[in-house]
């Protein structure tokens, strides 16, 4: 306890305005800090630590010894925001920061949790995209493209590979076709509305249409799809 109070005395001496902790702060230390007009925030959580570090420039301290001056961060202003029944602490960075706050609202707690999960997933995907700017075609197209490439490649090397694998040419092609059909099945299974699963035999593009689609609508979709996909599919092997 004496060591905790020494830390409290030091942060008061260093004119600290905001004291944050990832877990819990001892009630005695909390009271001492509040008595000296220091804002105390506990149970910050590991997910919020990194944004706070980026925003303030502070460094986490995992010891009860003397806090080094380099561990302190800076903020321009602290304001209180009232959103409905909740009260939030708004930290304004001293300099331009790469951290921003997104506030989500919904009428029910269940829908709010779903919205939060969706936004977290979107944020995660965006971060991964910035780190490695590569993406696959969606809607089953990656699977049908891969199946088309494997079919073409397996036929072109069917004369040499079977002997290396200890099988006949027919067995090799049968295994390759079985794998390709599995990929096609995965692409078709992505539609949950009982739509019609179609694959372009030239560019291996995959899409689904409603079961009630007319022949004219089908022809229009096929022609539009071919025009849109010609540039991005030109590198894929024909079947």
C-alpha atoms as a PDB file:
ATOM      1  CA  UNK A   1       0.000   0.000   0.000  1.00  0.00           C
ATOM      2  CA  UNK A   2       2.854   2.368   0.797  1.00  0.00           C
ATOM      3  CA  UNK A   3       4.283   1.808  -2.676  1.00  0.00           C
ATOM      4  CA  UNK A   4       0.892   2.543  -4.264  1.00  0.00           C
ATOM      5  CA  UNK A   5       0.644   5.807  -2.376  1.00  0.00           C
ATOM      6  CA  UNK A   6       4.178   6.710  -3.457  1.00  0.00           C
ATOM      7  CA  UNK A   7       3.040   6.315  -7.067  1.00  0.00           C
ATOM      8  CA  UNK A   8       0.050   8.515  -6.282  1.00  0.00           C
ATOM      9  CA  UNK A   9       2.287  11.170  -4.766  1.00  0.00           C
ATOM     10  CA  UNK A  10       4.554  11.079  -7.811  1.00  0.00           C
ATOM     11  CA  UNK A  11       1.761  11.540 -10.375  1.00  0.00           C
ATOM     12  CA  UNK A  12       0.336  14.391  -8.300  1.00  0.00           C
ATOM     13  CA  UNK A  13       3.778  15.992  -8.175  1.00  0.00           C
ATOM     14  CA  UNK A  14       4.147  15.523 -11.947  1.00  0.00           C
ATOM     15  CA  UNK A  15       0.786  17.309 -12.445  1.00  0.00           C
ATOM     16  CA  UNK A  16      -0.941  14.366 -14.107  1.00  0.00           C
ATOM     17  CA  UNK A  17      -4.589  15.027 -15.037  1.00  0.00           C
ATOM     18  CA  UNK A  18      -5.684  11.576 -16.216  1.00  0.00           C
ATOM     19  CA  UNK A  19      -4.760   8.210 -14.684  1.00  0.00           C
ATOM     20  CA  UNK A  20      -5.790   5.054 -16.584  1.00  0.00           C
ATOM     21  CA  UNK A  21      -5.428   1.378 -15.750  1.00  0.00           C
ATOM     22  CA  UNK A  22      -6.078  -1.702 -17.874  1.00  0.00           C
ATOM     23  CA  UNK A  23      -7.498  -3.608 -14.901  1.00  0.00           C
ATOM     24  CA  UNK A  24      -8.512  -2.321 -11.456  1.00  0.00           C
ATOM     25  CA  UNK A  25      -7.065   0.384  -9.201  1.00  0.00           C
ATOM     26  CA  UNK A  26      -6.984  -0.022  -5.435  1.00  0.00           C
ATOM     27  CA  UNK A  27      -9.802   2.018  -3.821  1.00  0.00           C
ATOM     28  CA  UNK A  28      -7.355   3.827  -1.534  1.00  0.00           C
ATOM     29  CA  UNK A  29      -5.217   4.950  -4.482  1.00  0.00           C
ATOM     30  CA  UNK A  30      -8.342   5.913  -6.418  1.00  0.00           C
ATOM     31  CA  UNK A  31      -9.559   8.102  -3.590  1.00  0.00           C
ATOM     32  CA  UNK A  32      -6.156   9.719  -3.160  1.00  0.00           C
ATOM     33  CA  UNK A  33      -5.952  10.589  -6.861  1.00  0.00           C
ATOM     34  CA  UNK A  34      -9.510  11.938  -6.981  1.00  0.00           C
ATOM     35  CA  UNK A  35      -8.863  14.040  -3.889  1.00  0.00           C
ATOM     36  CA  UNK A  36      -6.074  15.668  -5.911  1.00  0.00           C
ATOM     37  CA  UNK A  37      -8.381  16.395  -8.894  1.00  0.00           C
ATOM     38  CA  UNK A  38      -7.039  13.566 -11.064  1.00  0.00           C
ATOM     39  CA  UNK A  39      -9.501  11.748 -13.330  1.00  0.00           C
ATOM     40  CA  UNK A  40      -9.277   8.004 -12.697  1.00  0.00           C
ATOM     41  CA  UNK A  41     -10.330   5.412 -15.274  1.00  0.00           C
ATOM     42  CA  UNK A  42     -10.017   1.700 -14.481  1.00  0.00           C
ATOM     43  CA  UNK A  43     -10.943  -1.524 -16.323  1.00  0.00           C
ATOM     44  CA  UNK A  44      -9.886   0.059 -19.594  1.00  0.00           C
ATOM     45  CA  UNK A  45      -9.364  -3.371 -21.154  1.00  0.00           C
ATOM     46  CA  UNK A  46      -6.641  -4.623 -23.444  1.00  0.00           C
ATOM     47  CA  UNK A  47      -8.608  -3.741 -26.608  1.00  0.00           C
ATOM     48  CA  UNK A  48      -8.658  -0.050 -25.674  1.00  0.00           C
ATOM     49  CA  UNK A  49      -5.031   0.158 -24.593  1.00  0.00           C
ATOM     50  CA  UNK A  50      -3.471   0.420 -28.052  1.00  0.00           C
ATOM     51  CA  UNK A  51      -5.774   3.252 -29.275  1.00  0.00           C
ATOM     52  CA  UNK A  52      -5.107   5.196 -26.055  1.00  0.00           C
ATOM     53  CA  UNK A  53      -1.355   4.715 -26.473  1.00  0.00           C
ATOM     54  CA  UNK A  54      -1.526   5.937 -30.078  1.00  0.00           C
ATOM     55  CA  UNK A  55      -3.700   8.902 -29.161  1.00  0.00           C
ATOM     56  CA  UNK A  56      -1.753  10.094 -26.117  1.00  0.00           C
ATOM     57  CA  UNK A  57       1.774   8.889 -26.829  1.00  0.00           C
ATOM     58  CA  UNK A  58       1.930   7.357 -23.344  1.00  0.00           C
ATOM     59  CA  UNK A  59       3.558   4.034 -22.504  1.00  0.00           C
ATOM     60  CA  UNK A  60       2.065   1.304 -20.278  1.00  0.00           C
ATOM     61  CA  UNK A  61       3.779   0.807 -16.926  1.00  0.00           C
ATOM     62  CA  UNK A  62       3.839  -2.732 -15.549  1.00  0.00           C
ATOM     63  CA  UNK A  63       5.665  -2.012 -12.295  1.00  0.00           C
ATOM     64  CA  UNK A  64       5.031  -0.329  -8.945  1.00  0.00           C
ATOM     65  CA  UNK A  65       8.385   1.410  -9.003  1.00  0.00           C
ATOM     66  CA  UNK A  66       9.064   5.003 -10.018  1.00  0.00           C
ATOM     67  CA  UNK A  67       7.286   5.988 -13.236  1.00  0.00           C
ATOM     68  CA  UNK A  68       9.782   7.248 -15.857  1.00  0.00           C
ATOM     69  CA  UNK A  69       8.986  10.612 -17.493  1.00  0.00           C
ATOM     70  CA  UNK A  70       8.928   8.928 -20.910  1.00  0.00           C
ATOM     71  CA  UNK A  71       5.825   6.968 -19.881  1.00  0.00           C
ATOM     72  CA  UNK A  72       3.658  10.087 -19.716  1.00  0.00           C
ATOM     73  CA  UNK A  73       1.548  11.124 -22.687  1.00  0.00           C
ATOM     74  CA  UNK A  74      -0.120  14.361 -23.730  1.00  0.00           C
ATOM     75  CA  UNK A  75      -3.657  15.323 -24.656  1.00  0.00           C
ATOM     76  CA  UNK A  76      -5.064  18.678 -25.640  1.00  0.00           C
ATOM     77  CA  UNK A  77      -8.349  18.509 -23.789  1.00  0.00           C
ATOM     78  CA  UNK A  78     -10.677  16.228 -21.835  1.00  0.00           C
ATOM     79  CA  UNK A  79     -14.427  16.678 -22.275  1.00  0.00           C
ATOM     80  CA  UNK A  80     -17.506  14.856 -21.040  1.00  0.00           C
ATOM     81  CA  UNK A  81     -20.048  13.651 -23.603  1.00  0.00           C
ATOM     82  CA  UNK A  82     -23.581  12.553 -22.705  1.00  0.00           C
ATOM     83  CA  UNK A  83     -25.139  10.105 -25.177  1.00  0.00           C
ATOM     84  CA  UNK A  84     -28.531   8.907 -24.033  1.00  0.00           C
ATOM     85  CA  UNK A  85     -28.112   7.279 -20.638  1.00  0.00           C
ATOM     86  CA  UNK A  86     -24.347   6.939 -20.991  1.00  0.00           C
ATOM     87  CA  UNK A  87     -21.600   9.364 -20.012  1.00  0.00           C
ATOM     88  CA  UNK A  88     -18.352   9.178 -21.971  1.00  0.00           C
ATOM     89  CA  UNK A  89     -14.920  10.704 -21.611  1.00  0.00           C
ATOM     90  CA  UNK A  90     -13.715  12.362 -24.819  1.00  0.00           C
ATOM     91  CA  UNK A  91      -9.940  12.649 -25.184  1.00  0.00           C
ATOM     92  CA  UNK A  92      -8.785  15.227 -27.714  1.00  0.00           C
ATOM     93  CA  UNK A  93      -5.203  14.595 -28.923  1.00  0.00           C
ATOM     94  CA  UNK A  94      -2.535  17.251 -28.582  1.00  0.00           C
ATOM     95  CA  UNK A  95      -1.449  16.640 -32.178  1.00  0.00           C
ATOM     96  CA  UNK A  96      -3.068  15.113 -35.232  1.00  0.00           C
ATOM     97  CA  UNK A  97      -3.625  11.448 -34.433  1.00  0.00           C
ATOM     98  CA  UNK A  98      -4.391   8.359 -36.474  1.00  0.00           C
ATOM     99  CA  UNK A  99      -7.069   7.320 -33.982  1.00  0.00           C
ATOM    100  CA  UNK A 100     -10.720   8.270 -34.266  1.00  0.00           C
ATOM    101  CA  UNK A 101     -13.849   7.267 -32.379  1.00  0.00           C
ATOM    102  CA  UNK A 102     -16.905   5.694 -33.981  1.00  0.00           C
ATOM    103  CA  UNK A 103     -20.048   5.822 -31.847  1.00  0.00           C
ATOM    104  CA  UNK A 104     -22.693   3.208 -32.624  1.00  0.00           C
ATOM    105  CA  UNK A 105     -26.293   3.467 -31.490  1.00  0.00           C
ATOM    106  CA  UNK A 106     -29.345   1.237 -31.724  1.00  0.00           C
ATOM    107  CA  UNK A 107     -32.680   0.873 -30.005  1.00  0.00           C
ATOM    108  CA  UNK A 108     -31.990  -2.610 -28.638  1.00  0.00           C
ATOM    109  CA  UNK A 109     -28.916  -4.083 -26.981  1.00  0.00           C
ATOM    110  CA  UNK A 110     -29.063  -7.201 -29.159  1.00  0.00           C
ATOM    111  CA  UNK A 111     -29.005  -5.273 -32.420  1.00  0.00           C
ATOM    112  CA  UNK A 112     -26.298  -2.980 -31.057  1.00  0.00           C
ATOM    113  CA  UNK A 113     -24.084  -5.987 -30.315  1.00  0.00           C
ATOM    114  CA  UNK A 114     -24.629  -7.276 -33.859  1.00  0.00           C
ATOM    115  CA  UNK A 115     -23.779  -3.841 -35.260  1.00  0.00           C
ATOM    116  CA  UNK A 116     -20.619  -3.694 -33.159  1.00  0.00           C
ATOM    117  CA  UNK A 117     -19.564  -7.148 -34.344  1.00  0.00           C
ATOM    118  CA  UNK A 118     -20.144  -6.189 -37.989  1.00  0.00           C
ATOM    119  CA  UNK A 119     -18.129  -2.975 -37.628  1.00  0.00           C
ATOM    120  CA  UNK A 120     -15.306  -4.799 -35.865  1.00  0.00           C
ATOM    121  CA  UNK A 121     -15.164  -7.329 -38.700  1.00  0.00           C
ATOM    122  CA  UNK A 122     -15.157  -4.539 -41.294  1.00  0.00           C
ATOM    123  CA  UNK A 123     -12.394  -2.710 -39.430  1.00  0.00           C
ATOM    124  CA  UNK A 124     -10.370  -5.921 -39.222  1.00  0.00           C
ATOM    125  CA  UNK A 125     -10.732  -6.552 -42.964  1.00  0.00           C
ATOM    126  CA  UNK A 126      -9.724  -2.970 -43.780  1.00  0.00           C
ATOM    127  CA  UNK A 127      -6.620  -3.265 -41.601  1.00  0.00           C
ATOM    128  CA  UNK A 128      -5.642  -6.510 -43.292  1.00  0.00           C
ATOM    129  CA  UNK A 129      -6.242  -4.933 -46.700  1.00  0.00           C
ATOM    130  CA  UNK A 130      -3.963  -2.012 -45.843  1.00  0.00           C
ATOM    131  CA  UNK A 131      -1.308  -4.435 -44.616  1.00  0.00           C
ATOM    132  CA  UNK A 132      -1.574  -6.828 -47.588  1.00  0.00           C
ATOM    133  CA  UNK A 133      -3.532  -5.191 -50.439  1.00  0.00           C
ATOM    134  CA  UNK A 134      -4.720  -8.404 -52.048  1.00  0.00           C
ATOM    135  CA  UNK A 135      -8.242  -9.737 -52.364  1.00  0.00           C
ATOM    136  CA  UNK A 136     -10.126 -12.632 -53.893  1.00  0.00           C
ATOM    137  CA  UNK A 137     -13.247 -12.496 -56.010  1.00  0.00           C
ATOM    138  CA  UNK A 138     -16.363 -13.087 -53.933  1.00  0.00           C
ATOM    139  CA  UNK A 139     -19.637 -14.811 -54.619  1.00  0.00           C
ATOM    140  CA  UNK A 140     -17.987 -18.120 -55.479  1.00  0.00           C
ATOM    141  CA  UNK A 141     -15.890 -16.694 -58.329  1.00  0.00           C
ATOM    142  CA  UNK A 142     -12.578 -17.580 -56.666  1.00  0.00           C
ATOM    143  CA  UNK A 143     -13.667 -21.216 -56.409  1.00  0.00           C
ATOM    144  CA  UNK A 144     -14.860 -21.473 -60.027  1.00  0.00           C
ATOM    145  CA  UNK A 145     -11.748 -19.674 -61.303  1.00  0.00           C
ATOM    146  CA  UNK A 146      -9.523 -22.070 -59.356  1.00  0.00           C
ATOM    147  CA  UNK A 147     -11.468 -25.075 -60.626  1.00  0.00           C
ATOM    148  CA  UNK A 148     -11.063 -23.879 -64.231  1.00  0.00           C
ATOM    149  CA  UNK A 149      -7.316 -23.409 -63.790  1.00  0.00           C
ATOM    150  CA  UNK A 150      -6.898 -26.846 -62.196  1.00  0.00           C
ATOM    151  CA  UNK A 151      -8.880 -28.519 -64.976  1.00  0.00           C
ATOM    152  CA  UNK A 152      -6.739 -26.863 -67.628  1.00  0.00           C
ATOM    153  CA  UNK A 153      -3.464 -27.517 -65.817  1.00  0.00           C
ATOM    154  CA  UNK A 154      -4.244 -31.142 -64.981  1.00  0.00           C
ATOM    155  CA  UNK A 155      -5.019 -31.918 -68.626  1.00  0.00           C
ATOM    156  CA  UNK A 156      -1.841 -30.225 -69.846  1.00  0.00           C
ATOM    157  CA  UNK A 157       0.431 -32.246 -67.538  1.00  0.00           C
ATOM    158  CA  UNK A 158      -1.574 -35.486 -67.494  1.00  0.00           C
ATOM    159  CA  UNK A 159       1.105 -37.260 -69.553  1.00  0.00           C
ATOM    160  CA  UNK A 160       3.912 -36.830 -66.993  1.00  0.00           C
ATOM    161  CA  UNK A 161       2.505 -36.434 -63.481  1.00  0.00           C
ATOM    162  CA  UNK A 162       0.616 -39.775 -63.102  1.00  0.00           C
ATOM    163  CA  UNK A 163       3.831 -41.799 -63.358  1.00  0.00           C
ATOM    164  CA  UNK A 164       5.371 -39.666 -60.602  1.00  0.00           C
ATOM    165  CA  UNK A 165       2.345 -40.243 -58.364  1.00  0.00           C
ATOM    166  CA  UNK A 166       2.093 -43.950 -59.083  1.00  0.00           C
ATOM    167  CA  UNK A 167      -1.330 -43.834 -60.726  1.00  0.00           C
ATOM    168  CA  UNK A 168      -2.791 -44.047 -64.200  1.00  0.00           C
ATOM    169  CA  UNK A 169      -3.628 -41.032 -66.321  1.00  0.00           C
ATOM    170  CA  UNK A 170      -7.337 -41.786 -65.963  1.00  0.00           C
ATOM    171  CA  UNK A 171      -7.093 -41.974 -62.157  1.00  0.00           C
ATOM    172  CA  UNK A 172      -5.185 -38.695 -62.062  1.00  0.00           C
ATOM    173  CA  UNK A 173      -7.756 -36.861 -64.205  1.00  0.00           C
ATOM    174  CA  UNK A 174     -10.613 -38.401 -62.217  1.00  0.00           C
ATOM    175  CA  UNK A 175      -9.124 -37.171 -58.933  1.00  0.00           C
ATOM    176  CA  UNK A 176      -8.543 -33.678 -60.360  1.00  0.00           C
ATOM    177  CA  UNK A 177     -12.104 -33.526 -61.672  1.00  0.00           C
ATOM    178  CA  UNK A 178     -13.472 -34.642 -58.295  1.00  0.00           C
ATOM    179  CA  UNK A 179     -11.596 -31.851 -56.558  1.00  0.00           C
ATOM    180  CA  UNK A 180     -12.798 -29.296 -59.122  1.00  0.00           C
ATOM    181  CA  UNK A 181     -16.387 -30.414 -58.652  1.00  0.00           C
ATOM    182  CA  UNK A 182     -15.965 -29.913 -54.913  1.00  0.00           C
ATOM    183  CA  UNK A 183     -14.890 -26.330 -55.583  1.00  0.00           C
ATOM    184  CA  UNK A 184     -17.904 -25.831 -57.854  1.00  0.00           C
ATOM    185  CA  UNK A 185     -20.147 -27.198 -55.105  1.00  0.00           C
ATOM    186  CA  UNK A 186     -18.712 -24.721 -52.609  1.00  0.00           C
ATOM    187  CA  UNK A 187     -19.472 -21.857 -55.006  1.00  0.00           C
ATOM    188  CA  UNK A 188     -23.031 -23.087 -55.533  1.00  0.00           C
ATOM    189  CA  UNK A 189     -23.585 -23.545 -51.785  1.00  0.00           C
ATOM    190  CA  UNK A 190     -22.975 -19.839 -51.138  1.00  0.00           C
ATOM    191  CA  UNK A 191     -26.493 -19.061 -52.381  1.00  0.00           C
ATOM    192  CA  UNK A 192     -29.080 -19.602 -49.646  1.00  0.00           C
ATOM    193  CA  UNK A 193     -32.156 -18.442 -51.568  1.00  0.00           C
ATOM    194  CA  UNK A 194     -32.540 -21.467 -53.854  1.00  0.00           C
ATOM    195  CA  UNK A 195     -31.369 -19.414 -56.830  1.00  0.00           C
ATOM    196  CA  UNK A 196     -29.931 -20.730 -60.084  1.00  0.00           C
ATOM    197  CA  UNK A 197     -26.161 -21.252 -59.964  1.00  0.00           C
ATOM    198  CA  UNK A 198     -24.447 -20.423 -63.261  1.00  0.00           C
ATOM    199  CA  UNK A 199     -20.814 -20.601 -64.384  1.00  0.00           C
ATOM    200  CA  UNK A 200     -19.400 -19.008 -67.534  1.00  0.00           C
ATOM    201  CA  UNK A 201     -17.465 -21.738 -69.346  1.00  0.00           C
ATOM    202  CA  UNK A 202     -15.175 -19.181 -71.000  1.00  0.00           C
ATOM    203  CA  UNK A 203     -14.111 -16.969 -68.079  1.00  0.00           C
ATOM    204  CA  UNK A 204     -15.184 -19.276 -65.204  1.00  0.00           C
ATOM    205  CA  UNK A 205     -17.217 -16.467 -63.666  1.00  0.00           C
ATOM    206  CA  UNK A 206     -19.918 -17.577 -61.211  1.00  0.00           C
ATOM    207  CA  UNK A 207     -23.141 -15.868 -60.244  1.00  0.00           C
ATOM    208  CA  UNK A 208     -26.653 -16.736 -59.093  1.00  0.00           C
ATOM    209  CA  UNK A 209     -30.038 -15.709 -60.439  1.00  0.00           C
ATOM    210  CA  UNK A 210     -33.478 -15.927 -58.833  1.00  0.00           C
ATOM    211  CA  UNK A 211     -35.431 -19.042 -59.763  1.00  0.00           C
ATOM    212  CA  UNK A 212     -38.147 -16.886 -61.342  1.00  0.00           C
ATOM    213  CA  UNK A 213     -35.717 -15.103 -63.703  1.00  0.00           C
ATOM    214  CA  UNK A 214     -36.927 -15.066 -67.314  1.00  0.00           C
ATOM    215  CA  UNK A 215     -34.899 -16.047 -70.377  1.00  0.00           C
ATOM    216  CA  UNK A 216     -34.544 -12.390 -71.402  1.00  0.00           C
ATOM    217  CA  UNK A 217     -33.235 -11.464 -67.959  1.00  0.00           C
ATOM    218  CA  UNK A 218     -30.813 -14.372 -68.121  1.00  0.00           C
ATOM    219  CA  UNK A 219     -29.464 -13.298 -71.532  1.00  0.00           C
ATOM    220  CA  UNK A 220     -29.100  -9.701 -70.299  1.00  0.00           C
ATOM    221  CA  UNK A 221     -27.189 -10.830 -67.214  1.00  0.00           C
ATOM    222  CA  UNK A 222     -24.892 -13.047 -69.255  1.00  0.00           C
ATOM    223  CA  UNK A 223     -24.000 -10.309 -71.719  1.00  0.00           C
ATOM    224  CA  UNK A 224     -23.510  -7.676 -69.008  1.00  0.00           C
ATOM    225  CA  UNK A 225     -21.394 -10.033 -66.958  1.00  0.00           C
ATOM    226  CA  UNK A 226     -19.154 -10.888 -69.898  1.00  0.00           C
ATOM    227  CA  UNK A 227     -18.500  -7.197 -70.602  1.00  0.00           C
ATOM    228  CA  UNK A 228     -17.728  -6.387 -66.970  1.00  0.00           C
ATOM    229  CA  UNK A 229     -15.514  -9.375 -66.327  1.00  0.00           C
ATOM    230  CA  UNK A 230     -13.561  -9.524 -69.579  1.00  0.00           C
ATOM    231  CA  UNK A 231     -10.724  -7.332 -68.312  1.00  0.00           C
ATOM    232  CA  UNK A 232     -10.246  -9.062 -64.971  1.00  0.00           C
ATOM    233  CA  UNK A 233     -10.705 -12.574 -66.338  1.00  0.00           C
ATOM    234  CA  UNK A 234      -8.383 -12.254 -69.316  1.00  0.00           C
ATOM    235  CA  UNK A 235      -5.507 -13.754 -67.345  1.00  0.00           C
ATOM    236  CA  UNK A 236      -7.406 -16.918 -66.454  1.00  0.00           C
ATOM    237  CA  UNK A 237      -7.110 -20.050 -68.520  1.00  0.00           C
ATOM    238  CA  UNK A 238      -9.987 -21.047 -70.758  1.00  0.00           C
ATOM    239  CA  UNK A 239     -11.783 -24.334 -70.261  1.00  0.00           C
END
